[in-house]
Amino acid sequence: MSNQTKFILLSLVLFTVAGCSVSRAVNKTLSPPADTKWVNIEVKNPSQYTKPFPLEVRYISYECMKKRISGFDGSVVTEPSYNVIGIPMTQRSGDVWEAKVAMTGGGACKWTLSAVNVGIEYVDATHLGKDLIPGSAVGATVAFDADASRNGQFEIISGNKFNYAPKYYPVLERWSAQKNSTKADKLNLFGKNSSFFDVRMIVKDNDVWVNYNPTIEENKKVEMIFPYEKKKGAVFTYVYPNGEKVSSREIKPDFKKLDEMKIN
């Protein structure tokens, strides 16, 4: 997956931006107990040109607290430790992929599951344009505690099942249209929600099922043309599949407009 994922950004915020660590490294070894509950994740891959990326799993420990020096006032701050790992998905049959995540990570630090990132990304883009390269991924962030969902923007789901079936459209980022650009044109996906839909699952003592079943309508691709020059007041130009051109400051096309558009 792209190196601009939420978990990597979160790690940067937690470990580098606010200050430097004054604690010894924590033991990140996982050892799920026999009675742990599991998060069972299933992804239906929507295209031969996409693939589910390895799950990005974050565990949290209140047993092995970390101390760091605040970059604001020099005070010592005590906070939980985090353990971010990747879990590959296994192709079960056809376009169905699956993986399991232990809710109790165990180990010396008594790790518990905080959040999981699940989604898909393009692995080949040239079928929609010469020299196009795959862009960023899309999917869902599923939080299991208050720490992971502390920005307050997460949709709450009560129960042990989360079924997510978003519709995506391709958008071609035409970086080559910009003056002196050295960036390659990219193929991204966008949907009604942000790139990653944020949900918080409130579950009791049960196993959990997460089903991600996205669809992609490649017959409705949009071109995003960047301003020729970077200057004040510059806007993007979106070219919709019906030929309509729209100037906008928005960083993604109009989903509703595209969704309702009739293509002959």
Protein backbone atom coordinates (compact mmCIF):
# COMPACT_ATOMS: atom_id res chain seq x y z
CA MET A 1 0.00 0.00 0.00
CA SER A 2 1.02 3.65 -0.41
CA ASN A 3 3.42 5.04 2.19
CA GLN A 4 0.86 7.71 2.99
CA THR A 5 -1.46 5.41 4.90
CA LYS A 6 -3.19 6.46 8.06
CA PHE A 7 -1.26 4.17 10.32
CA ILE A 8 2.10 5.39 9.09
CA LEU A 9 0.99 8.98 9.53
CA LEU A 10 -0.32 8.18 12.97
CA SER A 11 2.98 6.58 13.90
CA LEU A 12 4.83 9.69 12.79
CA VAL A 13 2.59 11.85 14.93
CA LEU A 14 2.92 9.63 17.97
CA PHE A 15 6.63 8.93 17.84
CA THR A 16 8.34 11.86 16.18
CA VAL A 17 6.33 15.05 15.96
CA ALA A 18 5.54 15.56 19.62
CA GLY A 19 8.95 14.71 21.00
CA CYS A 20 11.57 12.03 21.51
CA SER A 21 11.26 8.80 23.44
CA VAL A 22 12.92 8.45 26.81
CA SER A 23 11.93 4.80 27.31
CA ARG A 24 13.54 1.53 26.31
CA ALA A 25 12.11 -0.35 23.36
CA VAL A 26 9.01 -2.37 24.23
CA ASN A 27 8.58 -6.07 23.57
CA LYS A 28 6.35 -6.25 20.48
CA THR A 29 6.09 -10.02 20.36
CA LEU A 30 2.52 -11.23 19.99
CA SER A 31 1.22 -14.38 21.64
CA PRO A 32 -2.56 -14.64 21.30
CA PRO A 33 -4.11 -16.81 24.02
CA ALA A 34 -6.11 -19.87 23.08
CA ASP A 35 -9.38 -18.19 24.05
CA THR A 36 -8.86 -15.00 22.04
CA LYS A 37 -11.71 -13.75 19.89
CA TRP A 38 -11.00 -13.18 16.20
CA VAL A 39 -11.76 -10.57 13.56
CA ASN A 40 -12.57 -12.49 10.37
CA ILE A 41 -12.02 -10.31 7.33
CA GLU A 42 -13.20 -11.06 3.81
CA VAL A 43 -12.53 -8.92 0.74
CA LYS A 44 -14.05 -9.45 -2.67
CA ASN A 45 -11.59 -8.13 -5.21
CA PRO A 46 -13.58 -6.16 -7.83
CA SER A 47 -11.17 -6.21 -10.77
CA GLN A 48 -8.32 -8.11 -12.34
CA TYR A 49 -6.38 -4.84 -12.13
CA THR A 50 -6.78 -4.44 -8.36
CA LYS A 51 -5.70 -6.43 -5.33
CA PRO A 52 -6.39 -6.31 -1.58
CA PHE A 53 -3.38 -4.90 0.22
CA PRO A 54 -2.03 -6.65 3.37
CA LEU A 55 -4.06 -5.73 6.42
CA GLU A 56 -2.55 -2.90 8.45
CA VAL A 57 -3.16 -3.91 12.05
CA ARG A 58 -2.49 -1.78 15.10
CA TYR A 59 -2.29 -3.15 18.63
CA ILE A 60 -2.12 -1.03 21.77
CA SER A 61 -0.59 -1.75 25.19
CA TYR A 62 -1.36 -0.07 28.49
CA GLU A 63 0.95 -2.55 30.22
CA CYS A 64 4.12 -1.26 28.55
CA MET A 65 3.65 2.49 28.77
CA LYS A 66 6.13 4.77 27.02
CA LYS A 67 7.53 8.07 28.13
CA ARG A 68 8.60 10.86 25.82
CA ILE A 69 9.70 14.44 26.14
CA SER A 70 7.13 16.88 24.83
CA GLY A 71 8.36 19.08 22.03
CA PHE A 72 6.14 21.88 23.30
CA ASP A 73 7.24 22.44 26.89
CA GLY A 74 9.87 19.78 27.66
CA SER A 75 7.61 17.90 30.07
CA VAL A 76 7.62 14.10 30.28
CA VAL A 77 4.48 12.52 28.81
CA THR A 78 3.40 8.96 29.59
CA GLU A 79 1.36 7.19 26.90
CA PRO A 80 0.43 3.72 25.62
CA SER A 81 2.71 1.79 23.29
CA TYR A 82 1.66 0.90 19.76
CA ASN A 83 2.50 -2.11 17.66
CA VAL A 84 1.74 -1.83 13.92
CA ILE A 85 2.05 -5.00 11.83
CA GLY A 86 1.07 -6.19 8.37
CA ILE A 87 -0.99 -9.34 7.87
CA PRO A 88 -1.15 -10.71 4.31
CA MET A 89 -4.50 -11.72 2.89
CA THR A 90 -4.95 -15.19 1.44
CA GLN A 91 -6.81 -15.80 -1.81
CA ARG A 92 -9.46 -18.34 -0.84
CA SER A 93 -11.11 -18.87 -4.21
CA GLY A 94 -11.56 -16.73 -7.30
CA ASP A 95 -11.81 -13.08 -6.28
CA VAL A 96 -12.40 -13.72 -2.56
CA TRP A 97 -9.57 -12.99 -0.11
CA GLU A 98 -9.53 -13.52 3.64
CA ALA A 99 -7.50 -13.05 6.82
CA LYS A 100 -7.93 -13.36 10.58
CA VAL A 101 -6.76 -10.96 13.28
CA ALA A 102 -6.56 -11.84 16.97
CA MET A 103 -8.39 -9.37 19.17
CA THR A 104 -6.09 -10.24 22.07
CA GLY A 105 -2.49 -10.02 20.94
CA GLY A 106 -1.15 -11.08 24.31
CA GLY A 107 2.59 -11.23 24.83
CA ALA A 108 4.60 -9.61 27.61
CA CYS A 109 2.95 -6.25 26.92
CA LYS A 110 -0.61 -7.62 26.84
CA TRP A 111 -1.35 -6.21 23.40
CA THR A 112 -5.00 -5.66 22.45
CA LEU A 113 -6.43 -4.86 19.03
CA SER A 114 -6.97 -1.16 18.39
CA ALA A 115 -7.70 -0.83 14.64
CA VAL A 116 -7.43 -2.50 11.24
CA ASN A 117 -7.02 -0.96 7.79
CA VAL A 118 -8.57 -3.04 5.00
CA GLY A 119 -8.87 -2.15 1.33
CA ILE A 120 -7.81 -2.49 -2.27
CA GLU A 121 -5.46 -0.73 -4.66
CA TYR A 122 -4.70 -0.78 -8.35
CA VAL A 123 -1.72 -2.97 -9.23
CA ASP A 124 -1.93 -2.22 -12.97
CA ALA A 125 -3.19 1.01 -14.52
CA THR A 126 -2.15 0.94 -18.17
CA HIS A 127 -5.48 -0.52 -19.32
CA LEU A 128 -6.97 2.96 -18.80
CA GLY A 129 -4.11 4.99 -20.22
CA LYS A 130 -0.57 4.67 -21.51
CA ASP A 131 2.11 5.26 -18.87
CA LEU A 132 -0.45 5.49 -16.06
CA ILE A 133 0.80 4.19 -12.72
CA PRO A 134 -1.31 2.95 -9.78
CA GLY A 135 -2.12 5.59 -7.19
CA SER A 136 -3.25 5.40 -3.57
CA ALA A 137 -5.47 2.76 -1.98
CA VAL A 138 -9.07 2.93 -0.75
CA GLY A 139 -10.92 1.01 1.92
CA ALA A 140 -12.00 1.25 5.53
CA THR A 141 -10.42 1.86 8.92
CA VAL A 142 -12.17 -0.29 11.50
CA ALA A 143 -11.51 0.86 15.08
CA PHE A 144 -12.10 -1.27 18.16
CA ASP A 145 -11.28 1.18 20.94
CA ALA A 146 -11.59 4.85 21.85
CA ASP A 147 -7.90 5.49 21.19
CA ALA A 148 -8.14 4.66 17.49
CA SER A 149 -11.35 6.67 17.01
CA ARG A 150 -10.46 9.67 19.11
CA ASN A 151 -10.90 12.18 16.28
CA GLY A 152 -14.64 11.78 16.75
CA GLN A 153 -15.35 11.30 13.04
CA PHE A 154 -15.96 7.55 13.17
CA GLU A 155 -19.37 6.05 12.47
CA ILE A 156 -20.48 3.82 15.33
CA ILE A 157 -21.56 0.24 14.61
CA SER A 158 -23.00 -1.86 17.42
CA GLY A 159 -22.65 -5.59 16.95
CA ASN A 160 -20.12 -8.00 15.57
CA LYS A 161 -20.76 -7.63 11.82
CA PHE A 162 -19.69 -4.86 9.45
CA ASN A 163 -20.64 -5.13 5.78
CA TYR A 164 -19.20 -2.42 3.55
CA ALA A 165 -19.99 -2.35 -0.19
CA PRO A 166 -18.85 1.02 -1.60
CA LYS A 167 -18.94 2.05 -5.22
CA TYR A 168 -15.78 3.60 -6.70
CA TYR A 169 -14.97 5.47 -9.88
CA PRO A 170 -11.51 5.87 -11.42
CA VAL A 171 -9.91 9.29 -11.61
CA LEU A 172 -6.86 9.91 -13.81
CA GLU A 173 -4.53 12.50 -12.29
CA ARG A 174 -2.89 14.26 -15.23
CA TRP A 175 0.30 15.55 -13.60
CA SER A 176 1.90 15.72 -17.04
CA ALA A 177 -0.32 18.72 -17.85
CA GLN A 178 1.52 20.85 -15.29
CA LYS A 179 4.46 23.04 -16.27
CA ASN A 180 7.84 21.36 -15.74
CA SER A 181 6.17 18.40 -14.03
CA THR A 182 8.30 15.35 -13.31
CA LYS A 183 5.46 13.31 -11.80
CA ALA A 184 3.85 10.44 -13.65
CA ASP A 185 0.12 10.40 -14.34
CA LYS A 186 -1.71 8.32 -11.71
CA LEU A 187 -4.84 6.23 -11.58
CA ASN A 188 -6.77 6.61 -8.32
CA LEU A 189 -10.17 5.54 -7.04
CA PHE A 190 -12.70 7.74 -5.30
CA GLY A 191 -16.09 7.12 -3.75
CA LYS A 192 -18.88 8.80 -1.88
CA ASN A 193 -16.91 8.80 1.36
CA SER A 194 -13.28 9.71 1.91
CA SER A 195 -10.61 7.31 0.67
CA PHE A 196 -10.90 5.41 3.94
CA PHE A 197 -14.30 5.11 5.60
CA ASP A 198 -13.89 5.32 9.39
CA VAL A 199 -16.02 3.07 11.60
CA ARG A 200 -15.89 2.15 15.29
CA MET A 201 -17.24 -1.28 16.15
CA ILE A 202 -18.75 -1.70 19.60
CA VAL A 203 -18.57 -5.46 20.17
CA LYS A 204 -19.04 -7.64 23.19
CA ASP A 205 -17.38 -10.97 23.85
CA ASN A 206 -17.83 -12.35 20.33
CA ASP A 207 -15.89 -13.02 17.16
CA VAL A 208 -16.18 -10.26 14.56
CA TRP A 209 -16.88 -10.40 10.81
CA VAL A 210 -15.80 -7.63 8.43
CA ASN A 211 -16.92 -8.01 4.81
CA TYR A 212 -15.59 -5.53 2.25
CA ASN A 213 -17.27 -5.89 -1.15
CA PRO A 214 -16.39 -2.90 -3.36
CA THR A 215 -17.38 -2.31 -6.98
CA ILE A 216 -15.63 -0.20 -9.62
CA GLU A 217 -17.37 1.41 -12.59
CA GLU A 218 -14.51 1.96 -15.01
CA ASN A 219 -16.88 3.09 -17.77
CA LYS A 220 -17.21 6.37 -15.87
CA LYS A 221 -13.63 7.52 -15.50
CA VAL A 222 -12.80 11.17 -14.82
CA GLU A 223 -9.68 13.10 -15.78
CA MET A 224 -8.26 15.49 -13.21
CA ILE A 225 -6.09 18.08 -14.95
CA PHE A 226 -3.80 20.13 -12.75
CA PRO A 227 -3.27 23.86 -13.35
CA TYR A 228 -0.53 24.50 -15.87
CA GLU A 229 1.21 26.74 -13.37
CA LYS A 230 1.11 26.87 -9.58
CA LYS A 231 -0.23 30.28 -8.71
CA LYS A 232 -2.85 31.94 -6.53
CA GLY A 233 -6.37 31.25 -7.69
CA ALA A 234 -5.42 28.24 -9.81
CA VAL A 235 -8.07 25.51 -10.01
CA PHE A 236 -8.35 21.92 -11.17
CA THR A 237 -10.20 20.94 -14.33
CA TYR A 238 -12.32 17.82 -14.22
CA VAL A 239 -13.25 16.19 -17.50
CA TYR A 240 -16.27 13.93 -17.03
CA PRO A 241 -17.02 10.91 -19.24
CA ASN A 242 -19.74 12.83 -21.12
CA GLY A 243 -17.14 15.41 -22.19
CA GLU A 244 -18.21 18.10 -19.70
CA LYS A 245 -15.36 20.17 -18.23
CA VAL A 246 -15.71 21.65 -14.74
CA SER A 247 -13.27 23.99 -13.00
CA SER A 248 -13.09 23.43 -9.26
CA ARG A 249 -10.97 23.89 -6.15
CA GLU A 250 -12.19 20.54 -4.80
CA ILE A 251 -9.55 17.82 -4.60
CA LYS A 252 -11.83 15.13 -6.00
CA PRO A 253 -14.66 14.98 -8.58
CA ASP A 254 -18.34 15.37 -7.77
CA PHE A 255 -19.46 11.85 -6.84
CA LYS A 256 -23.19 12.58 -7.05
CA LYS A 257 -22.81 14.23 -10.45
CA LEU A 258 -20.89 11.27 -11.81
CA ASP A 259 -23.16 8.70 -10.19
CA GLU A 260 -26.26 10.21 -11.80
CA MET A 261 -24.62 10.72 -15.19
CA LYS A 262 -25.97 8.66 -18.08
CA ILE A 263 -23.35 7.30 -20.47
CA ASN A 264 -24.37 6.17 -23.92
